[in-house]
Amino acid sequence: MMKILSELYDRLLAEVPPPPPETGGILGARGGIVCAAYFDFGRPHSTRAVYEPDIARLNGQIVDWEQSGITFCGMFHSHLPGADTLSDGDRRYIARILAQMPVQIQTLFFPVILPEERLVAFRAARTSTGVKIAPEPLERIYE
C-alpha cells in the first residue's frame, strides 16, 4: 500500500498543472510514508503529451534528501483528465527506471496525478521474470 501524507496529496493535486504538457517529479519517503515531493517541469520536448525528466537535477535532489533521512521512493507525472491508467510508454519507462536502480530497491511507486481531481497509485516491483507494474491501494495519512 502506498501511504502518503494527506497534506502532500493535496499539494500534488493543487500544484501540478494540468497538461498539456505533462509534468512530474520525484517522491521521497521516511518510515514507509511518502512525505516529500520535488517538482520537475522536465526538459522541453517536441510533443506536448510527454514528460521527459531533468535527470541530473532530480538525482541532485535525491542526494540532498538522503542527507536528511528521506529516501527516493518513486516518480509521479500528470495526465489529462480521465486518463487514469499508465500508457505503454509509461510502463516501458517505469520498467527501465526500476531495472537501473540498485538491487536493494525492490519496489517504487509511480502515481499518476489528475490535477485538481485525484492521484492514482501504481507500484513497480522486481520479480524473477522482470518488473511487474500494477495499481496500488493508497492511504492518506493525517498528522
N, C-alpha and C. Protein backbone atom coordinates (compact mmCIF):
# COMPACT_ATOMS: atom_id res chain seq x y z
N MET A 1 0.84 -1.19 0.00
CA MET A 1 0.00 0.00 0.00
C MET A 1 0.88 1.24 0.00
N MET A 2 0.51 2.22 -0.81
CA MET A 2 1.23 3.50 -0.82
C MET A 2 0.60 4.39 0.23
N LYS A 3 1.40 4.71 1.25
CA LYS A 3 0.96 5.63 2.30
C LYS A 3 1.57 6.99 2.02
N ILE A 4 0.72 8.03 2.02
CA ILE A 4 1.16 9.38 1.70
C ILE A 4 0.56 10.37 2.68
N LEU A 5 1.36 11.34 3.10
CA LEU A 5 0.83 12.38 3.97
C LEU A 5 -0.30 13.10 3.24
N SER A 6 -1.42 13.29 3.91
CA SER A 6 -2.58 13.93 3.31
C SER A 6 -2.24 15.32 2.79
N GLU A 7 -1.45 16.05 3.54
CA GLU A 7 -1.04 17.40 3.13
C GLU A 7 -0.28 17.36 1.80
N LEU A 8 0.59 16.36 1.63
CA LEU A 8 1.34 16.23 0.38
C LEU A 8 0.40 15.82 -0.77
N TYR A 9 -0.51 14.93 -0.50
CA TYR A 9 -1.50 14.52 -1.51
C TYR A 9 -2.23 15.76 -2.04
N ASP A 10 -2.73 16.57 -1.12
CA ASP A 10 -3.46 17.79 -1.52
C ASP A 10 -2.56 18.75 -2.29
N ARG A 11 -1.31 18.87 -1.87
CA ARG A 11 -0.36 19.75 -2.56
C ARG A 11 -0.11 19.28 -3.99
N LEU A 12 0.05 17.98 -4.17
CA LEU A 12 0.27 17.45 -5.52
C LEU A 12 -0.91 17.77 -6.43
N LEU A 13 -2.12 17.57 -5.93
CA LEU A 13 -3.30 17.87 -6.75
C LEU A 13 -3.40 19.35 -7.09
N ALA A 14 -3.04 20.20 -6.15
CA ALA A 14 -3.18 21.65 -6.35
C ALA A 14 -2.05 22.26 -7.17
N GLU A 15 -0.83 21.74 -7.02
CA GLU A 15 0.32 22.41 -7.62
C GLU A 15 0.80 21.82 -8.94
N VAL A 16 0.40 20.60 -9.26
CA VAL A 16 0.78 20.04 -10.55
C VAL A 16 -0.18 20.63 -11.58
N PRO A 17 0.36 21.37 -12.55
CA PRO A 17 -0.54 22.00 -13.53
C PRO A 17 -1.16 20.97 -14.46
N PRO A 18 -2.36 21.25 -14.92
CA PRO A 18 -2.98 20.31 -15.86
C PRO A 18 -2.24 20.29 -17.19
N PRO A 19 -2.13 19.11 -17.80
CA PRO A 19 -1.48 19.03 -19.11
C PRO A 19 -2.41 19.60 -20.18
N PRO A 20 -1.94 19.85 -21.39
CA PRO A 20 -0.54 19.69 -21.76
C PRO A 20 0.29 20.88 -21.32
N PRO A 21 1.59 20.75 -21.21
CA PRO A 21 2.33 19.49 -21.32
C PRO A 21 2.24 18.71 -20.02
N GLU A 22 2.63 17.43 -20.07
CA GLU A 22 2.72 16.64 -18.85
C GLU A 22 3.89 17.16 -18.02
N THR A 23 3.74 17.09 -16.71
CA THR A 23 4.82 17.45 -15.80
C THR A 23 4.94 16.34 -14.76
N GLY A 24 5.93 16.44 -13.91
CA GLY A 24 6.10 15.41 -12.91
C GLY A 24 7.15 15.75 -11.89
N GLY A 25 7.69 14.70 -11.28
CA GLY A 25 8.71 14.88 -10.27
C GLY A 25 8.97 13.58 -9.54
N ILE A 26 9.67 13.70 -8.43
CA ILE A 26 10.04 12.52 -7.64
C ILE A 26 9.39 12.57 -6.27
N LEU A 27 9.32 11.39 -5.66
CA LEU A 27 8.74 11.24 -4.33
C LEU A 27 9.78 10.71 -3.36
N GLY A 28 9.68 11.18 -2.12
CA GLY A 28 10.56 10.69 -1.08
C GLY A 28 9.76 10.23 0.11
N ALA A 29 10.32 9.25 0.85
CA ALA A 29 9.62 8.68 2.00
C ALA A 29 10.52 8.63 3.22
N ARG A 30 9.87 8.64 4.35
CA ARG A 30 10.53 8.42 5.64
C ARG A 30 9.62 7.50 6.43
N GLY A 31 10.18 6.41 6.94
CA GLY A 31 9.38 5.48 7.73
C GLY A 31 8.24 4.84 6.95
N GLY A 32 8.42 4.65 5.65
CA GLY A 32 7.41 4.00 4.84
C GLY A 32 6.25 4.89 4.42
N ILE A 33 6.35 6.19 4.71
CA ILE A 33 5.29 7.13 4.34
C ILE A 33 5.86 8.16 3.38
N VAL A 34 5.19 8.33 2.24
CA VAL A 34 5.61 9.34 1.27
C VAL A 34 5.36 10.70 1.92
N CYS A 35 6.46 11.45 2.08
CA CYS A 35 6.38 12.70 2.82
C CYS A 35 6.98 13.88 2.06
N ALA A 36 7.57 13.64 0.88
CA ALA A 36 8.24 14.71 0.16
C ALA A 36 8.02 14.53 -1.34
N ALA A 37 7.94 15.65 -2.03
CA ALA A 37 7.85 15.65 -3.49
C ALA A 37 8.73 16.78 -3.99
N TYR A 38 9.38 16.51 -5.09
CA TYR A 38 10.19 17.52 -5.76
C TYR A 38 9.65 17.66 -7.16
N PHE A 39 9.16 18.85 -7.46
CA PHE A 39 8.53 19.11 -8.75
C PHE A 39 9.60 19.35 -9.82
N ASP A 40 9.36 18.76 -10.97
CA ASP A 40 10.27 18.90 -12.11
C ASP A 40 9.41 19.13 -13.34
N PHE A 41 9.62 20.23 -13.98
CA PHE A 41 8.80 20.52 -15.15
C PHE A 41 9.47 20.00 -16.42
N GLY A 42 10.54 19.22 -16.23
CA GLY A 42 11.14 18.47 -17.32
C GLY A 42 11.90 19.32 -18.30
N ARG A 43 12.32 18.64 -19.32
CA ARG A 43 13.06 19.28 -20.40
C ARG A 43 12.10 19.53 -21.54
N PRO A 44 12.36 20.58 -22.32
CA PRO A 44 11.49 20.84 -23.47
C PRO A 44 11.44 19.61 -24.38
N HIS A 45 10.28 19.33 -24.90
CA HIS A 45 10.09 18.15 -25.74
C HIS A 45 9.26 18.53 -26.96
N SER A 46 9.48 17.83 -28.04
CA SER A 46 8.79 18.18 -29.28
C SER A 46 7.29 17.89 -29.23
N THR A 47 6.86 16.95 -28.41
CA THR A 47 5.42 16.71 -28.27
C THR A 47 4.98 17.16 -26.90
N ARG A 48 3.79 17.67 -26.81
CA ARG A 48 3.31 18.26 -25.57
C ARG A 48 2.77 17.24 -24.59
N ALA A 49 2.58 16.01 -25.00
CA ALA A 49 2.00 14.99 -24.12
C ALA A 49 3.06 14.06 -23.54
N VAL A 50 4.29 14.55 -23.46
CA VAL A 50 5.38 13.72 -22.94
C VAL A 50 6.09 14.47 -21.82
N TYR A 51 6.33 13.77 -20.73
CA TYR A 51 7.14 14.33 -19.64
C TYR A 51 8.51 13.68 -19.72
N GLU A 52 9.52 14.49 -19.96
CA GLU A 52 10.90 14.00 -20.00
C GLU A 52 11.65 14.64 -18.85
N PRO A 53 11.94 13.89 -17.79
CA PRO A 53 12.54 14.46 -16.59
C PRO A 53 13.94 15.02 -16.81
N ASP A 54 14.27 16.01 -15.97
CA ASP A 54 15.62 16.55 -15.92
C ASP A 54 16.38 15.67 -14.92
N ILE A 55 16.98 14.61 -15.41
CA ILE A 55 17.57 13.57 -14.57
C ILE A 55 18.67 14.09 -13.67
N ALA A 56 19.54 14.94 -14.19
CA ALA A 56 20.64 15.46 -13.36
C ALA A 56 20.10 16.24 -12.16
N ARG A 57 19.10 17.06 -12.41
CA ARG A 57 18.50 17.85 -11.33
C ARG A 57 17.82 16.96 -10.30
N LEU A 58 17.09 15.94 -10.78
CA LEU A 58 16.40 15.04 -9.87
C LEU A 58 17.38 14.22 -9.04
N ASN A 59 18.44 13.74 -9.66
CA ASN A 59 19.46 12.98 -8.92
C ASN A 59 20.09 13.84 -7.83
N GLY A 60 20.30 15.12 -8.10
CA GLY A 60 20.82 16.03 -7.08
C GLY A 60 19.88 16.15 -5.90
N GLN A 61 18.58 16.19 -6.17
CA GLN A 61 17.60 16.28 -5.09
C GLN A 61 17.59 15.00 -4.26
N ILE A 62 17.74 13.85 -4.91
CA ILE A 62 17.77 12.58 -4.19
C ILE A 62 18.94 12.56 -3.21
N VAL A 63 20.09 13.05 -3.64
CA VAL A 63 21.27 13.13 -2.76
C VAL A 63 20.97 14.05 -1.58
N ASP A 64 20.36 15.20 -1.84
CA ASP A 64 20.00 16.14 -0.76
C ASP A 64 19.04 15.48 0.23
N TRP A 65 18.05 14.77 -0.29
CA TRP A 65 17.11 14.09 0.60
C TRP A 65 17.80 13.07 1.48
N GLU A 66 18.70 12.29 0.89
CA GLU A 66 19.39 11.25 1.66
C GLU A 66 20.08 11.84 2.88
N GLN A 67 20.60 13.05 2.75
CA GLN A 67 21.29 13.69 3.87
C GLN A 67 20.33 14.07 4.99
N SER A 68 19.03 14.13 4.70
CA SER A 68 18.06 14.44 5.74
C SER A 68 17.16 13.25 6.08
N GLY A 69 17.57 12.05 5.68
CA GLY A 69 16.84 10.85 6.05
C GLY A 69 15.63 10.52 5.20
N ILE A 70 15.52 11.13 4.04
CA ILE A 70 14.41 10.85 3.13
C ILE A 70 14.95 9.99 1.99
N THR A 71 14.25 8.90 1.67
CA THR A 71 14.70 8.01 0.61
C THR A 71 13.80 8.15 -0.62
N PHE A 72 14.41 8.07 -1.77
CA PHE A 72 13.68 8.09 -3.04
C PHE A 72 12.75 6.89 -3.08
N CYS A 73 11.48 7.12 -3.42
CA CYS A 73 10.52 6.00 -3.46
C CYS A 73 9.68 5.98 -4.72
N GLY A 74 9.98 6.85 -5.69
CA GLY A 74 9.24 6.80 -6.94
C GLY A 74 9.14 8.12 -7.64
N MET A 75 8.35 8.11 -8.70
CA MET A 75 8.14 9.29 -9.54
C MET A 75 6.65 9.46 -9.80
N PHE A 76 6.24 10.71 -9.99
CA PHE A 76 4.87 11.00 -10.37
C PHE A 76 4.87 11.80 -11.66
N HIS A 77 3.77 11.72 -12.39
CA HIS A 77 3.59 12.61 -13.53
C HIS A 77 2.10 12.83 -13.76
N SER A 78 1.80 13.89 -14.47
CA SER A 78 0.40 14.26 -14.69
C SER A 78 -0.14 13.64 -15.96
N HIS A 79 -1.45 13.48 -15.98
CA HIS A 79 -2.18 13.01 -17.15
C HIS A 79 -3.37 13.93 -17.37
N LEU A 80 -3.91 13.88 -18.56
CA LEU A 80 -5.13 14.62 -18.88
C LEU A 80 -6.30 14.05 -18.06
N PRO A 81 -7.32 14.85 -17.79
CA PRO A 81 -8.48 14.34 -17.07
C PRO A 81 -9.03 13.07 -17.71
N GLY A 82 -9.36 12.10 -16.87
CA GLY A 82 -9.92 10.84 -17.34
C GLY A 82 -8.90 9.80 -17.74
N ALA A 83 -7.64 10.19 -17.92
CA ALA A 83 -6.58 9.25 -18.33
C ALA A 83 -5.89 8.72 -17.08
N ASP A 84 -6.57 7.83 -16.36
CA ASP A 84 -6.07 7.39 -15.06
C ASP A 84 -5.30 6.07 -15.10
N THR A 85 -4.89 5.65 -16.27
CA THR A 85 -4.07 4.44 -16.40
C THR A 85 -2.71 4.81 -16.99
N LEU A 86 -1.79 3.88 -16.89
CA LEU A 86 -0.47 4.09 -17.48
C LEU A 86 -0.49 3.72 -18.96
N SER A 87 0.19 4.51 -19.75
CA SER A 87 0.33 4.18 -21.17
C SER A 87 1.41 3.10 -21.32
N ASP A 88 1.48 2.51 -22.50
CA ASP A 88 2.55 1.55 -22.77
C ASP A 88 3.91 2.21 -22.62
N GLY A 89 4.03 3.46 -23.05
CA GLY A 89 5.29 4.19 -22.89
C GLY A 89 5.64 4.41 -21.43
N ASP A 90 4.62 4.73 -20.62
CA ASP A 90 4.85 4.88 -19.16
C ASP A 90 5.39 3.57 -18.59
N ARG A 91 4.78 2.47 -18.96
CA ARG A 91 5.17 1.16 -18.43
C ARG A 91 6.61 0.80 -18.84
N ARG A 92 6.97 1.06 -20.08
CA ARG A 92 8.34 0.78 -20.52
C ARG A 92 9.34 1.64 -19.74
N TYR A 93 9.01 2.91 -19.56
CA TYR A 93 9.90 3.83 -18.85
C TYR A 93 10.06 3.41 -17.38
N ILE A 94 8.95 3.05 -16.74
CA ILE A 94 8.98 2.61 -15.34
C ILE A 94 9.85 1.36 -15.20
N ALA A 95 9.69 0.41 -16.10
CA ALA A 95 10.50 -0.82 -16.05
C ALA A 95 11.98 -0.50 -16.20
N ARG A 96 12.31 0.45 -17.08
CA ARG A 96 13.73 0.84 -17.24
C ARG A 96 14.27 1.50 -15.99
N ILE A 97 13.47 2.35 -15.36
CA ILE A 97 13.92 3.02 -14.14
C ILE A 97 14.22 1.99 -13.06
N LEU A 98 13.29 1.09 -12.80
CA LEU A 98 13.49 0.10 -11.74
C LEU A 98 14.67 -0.81 -12.06
N ALA A 99 14.85 -1.17 -13.32
CA ALA A 99 15.97 -2.03 -13.71
C ALA A 99 17.32 -1.36 -13.46
N GLN A 100 17.36 -0.03 -13.49
CA GLN A 100 18.61 0.69 -13.30
C GLN A 100 18.89 1.03 -11.84
N MET A 101 17.93 0.78 -10.97
CA MET A 101 18.10 1.09 -9.55
C MET A 101 18.99 0.04 -8.88
N PRO A 102 19.66 0.42 -7.78
CA PRO A 102 20.42 -0.59 -7.04
C PRO A 102 19.53 -1.77 -6.66
N VAL A 103 20.11 -2.95 -6.62
CA VAL A 103 19.34 -4.18 -6.42
C VAL A 103 18.55 -4.19 -5.11
N GLN A 104 19.00 -3.46 -4.10
CA GLN A 104 18.27 -3.45 -2.82
C GLN A 104 16.93 -2.71 -2.94
N ILE A 105 16.75 -1.93 -3.99
CA ILE A 105 15.46 -1.27 -4.21
C ILE A 105 14.60 -2.23 -5.01
N GLN A 106 13.60 -2.80 -4.34
CA GLN A 106 12.75 -3.82 -4.94
C GLN A 106 11.44 -3.27 -5.49
N THR A 107 10.98 -2.14 -4.93
CA THR A 107 9.72 -1.55 -5.37
C THR A 107 9.83 -0.03 -5.41
N LEU A 108 9.05 0.55 -6.29
CA LEU A 108 8.91 2.01 -6.37
C LEU A 108 7.46 2.33 -6.71
N PHE A 109 7.02 3.52 -6.32
CA PHE A 109 5.67 3.99 -6.64
C PHE A 109 5.72 4.94 -7.83
N PHE A 110 4.70 4.86 -8.67
CA PHE A 110 4.60 5.71 -9.85
C PHE A 110 3.17 6.23 -10.00
N PRO A 111 2.75 7.13 -9.11
CA PRO A 111 1.37 7.63 -9.22
C PRO A 111 1.18 8.56 -10.42
N VAL A 112 -0.03 8.52 -10.92
CA VAL A 112 -0.47 9.43 -11.96
C VAL A 112 -1.31 10.51 -11.27
N ILE A 113 -1.01 11.76 -11.57
CA ILE A 113 -1.75 12.88 -11.00
C ILE A 113 -2.77 13.37 -12.02
N LEU A 114 -4.02 13.37 -11.63
CA LEU A 114 -5.06 14.02 -12.42
C LEU A 114 -5.32 15.33 -11.69
N PRO A 115 -4.65 16.42 -12.14
CA PRO A 115 -4.66 17.69 -11.39
C PRO A 115 -6.06 18.11 -10.97
N GLU A 116 -6.12 18.57 -9.72
CA GLU A 116 -7.35 19.05 -9.08
C GLU A 116 -8.44 17.99 -9.01
N GLU A 117 -8.06 16.71 -9.22
CA GLU A 117 -9.06 15.63 -9.18
C GLU A 117 -8.64 14.54 -8.21
N ARG A 118 -7.60 13.76 -8.57
CA ARG A 118 -7.17 12.66 -7.70
C ARG A 118 -5.79 12.16 -8.13
N LEU A 119 -5.26 11.33 -7.28
CA LEU A 119 -3.98 10.67 -7.51
C LEU A 119 -4.26 9.17 -7.62
N VAL A 120 -3.74 8.53 -8.66
CA VAL A 120 -3.93 7.10 -8.88
C VAL A 120 -2.57 6.43 -8.73
N ALA A 121 -2.44 5.57 -7.73
CA ALA A 121 -1.13 4.98 -7.42
C ALA A 121 -0.89 3.69 -8.21
N PHE A 122 0.36 3.52 -8.63
CA PHE A 122 0.85 2.29 -9.25
C PHE A 122 2.14 1.92 -8.55
N ARG A 123 2.41 0.63 -8.49
CA ARG A 123 3.61 0.11 -7.84
C ARG A 123 4.35 -0.76 -8.85
N ALA A 124 5.65 -0.52 -8.96
CA ALA A 124 6.51 -1.36 -9.79
C ALA A 124 7.36 -2.20 -8.85
N ALA A 125 7.40 -3.51 -9.10
CA ALA A 125 8.15 -4.43 -8.24
C ALA A 125 9.00 -5.36 -9.09
N ARG A 126 10.20 -5.62 -8.62
CA ARG A 126 11.06 -6.61 -9.30
C ARG A 126 10.47 -7.99 -9.06
N THR A 127 10.52 -8.81 -10.10
CA THR A 127 10.11 -10.21 -9.98
C THR A 127 11.20 -11.06 -10.61
N SER A 128 11.07 -12.37 -10.51
CA SER A 128 12.07 -13.26 -11.11
C SER A 128 12.07 -13.17 -12.64
N THR A 129 11.00 -12.64 -13.20
CA THR A 129 10.91 -12.55 -14.67
C THR A 129 10.98 -11.12 -15.19
N GLY A 130 11.24 -10.15 -14.33
CA GLY A 130 11.33 -8.76 -14.79
C GLY A 130 10.69 -7.81 -13.80
N VAL A 131 9.83 -6.94 -14.30
CA VAL A 131 9.17 -5.93 -13.47
C VAL A 131 7.67 -6.07 -13.63
N LYS A 132 6.97 -6.12 -12.50
CA LYS A 132 5.51 -6.15 -12.51
C LYS A 132 5.01 -4.77 -12.09
N ILE A 133 4.11 -4.21 -12.89
CA ILE A 133 3.53 -2.90 -12.60
C ILE A 133 2.03 -3.09 -12.43
N ALA A 134 1.51 -2.65 -11.29
CA ALA A 134 0.09 -2.87 -11.01
C ALA A 134 -0.47 -1.69 -10.21
N PRO A 135 -1.80 -1.49 -10.31
CA PRO A 135 -2.42 -0.49 -9.44
C PRO A 135 -2.14 -0.82 -7.98
N GLU A 136 -2.06 0.22 -7.17
CA GLU A 136 -1.71 0.06 -5.76
C GLU A 136 -2.71 0.82 -4.90
N PRO A 137 -3.23 0.19 -3.85
CA PRO A 137 -4.08 0.94 -2.93
C PRO A 137 -3.30 2.12 -2.33
N LEU A 138 -4.03 3.16 -2.02
CA LEU A 138 -3.41 4.37 -1.47
C LEU A 138 -4.09 4.73 -0.16
N GLU A 139 -3.29 5.08 0.82
CA GLU A 139 -3.82 5.51 2.12
C GLU A 139 -3.27 6.88 2.45
N ARG A 140 -4.19 7.80 2.70
CA ARG A 140 -3.77 9.14 3.14
C ARG A 140 -3.53 9.10 4.63
N ILE A 141 -2.39 9.63 5.05
CA ILE A 141 -2.01 9.68 6.46
C ILE A 141 -2.19 11.12 6.96
N TYR A 142 -2.96 11.26 8.01
CA TYR A 142 -3.23 12.59 8.58
C TYR A 142 -2.36 12.77 9.82
N GLU A 143 -1.64 13.86 9.86
CA GLU A 143 -0.80 14.17 11.03
C GLU A 143 -1.26 15.42 11.71
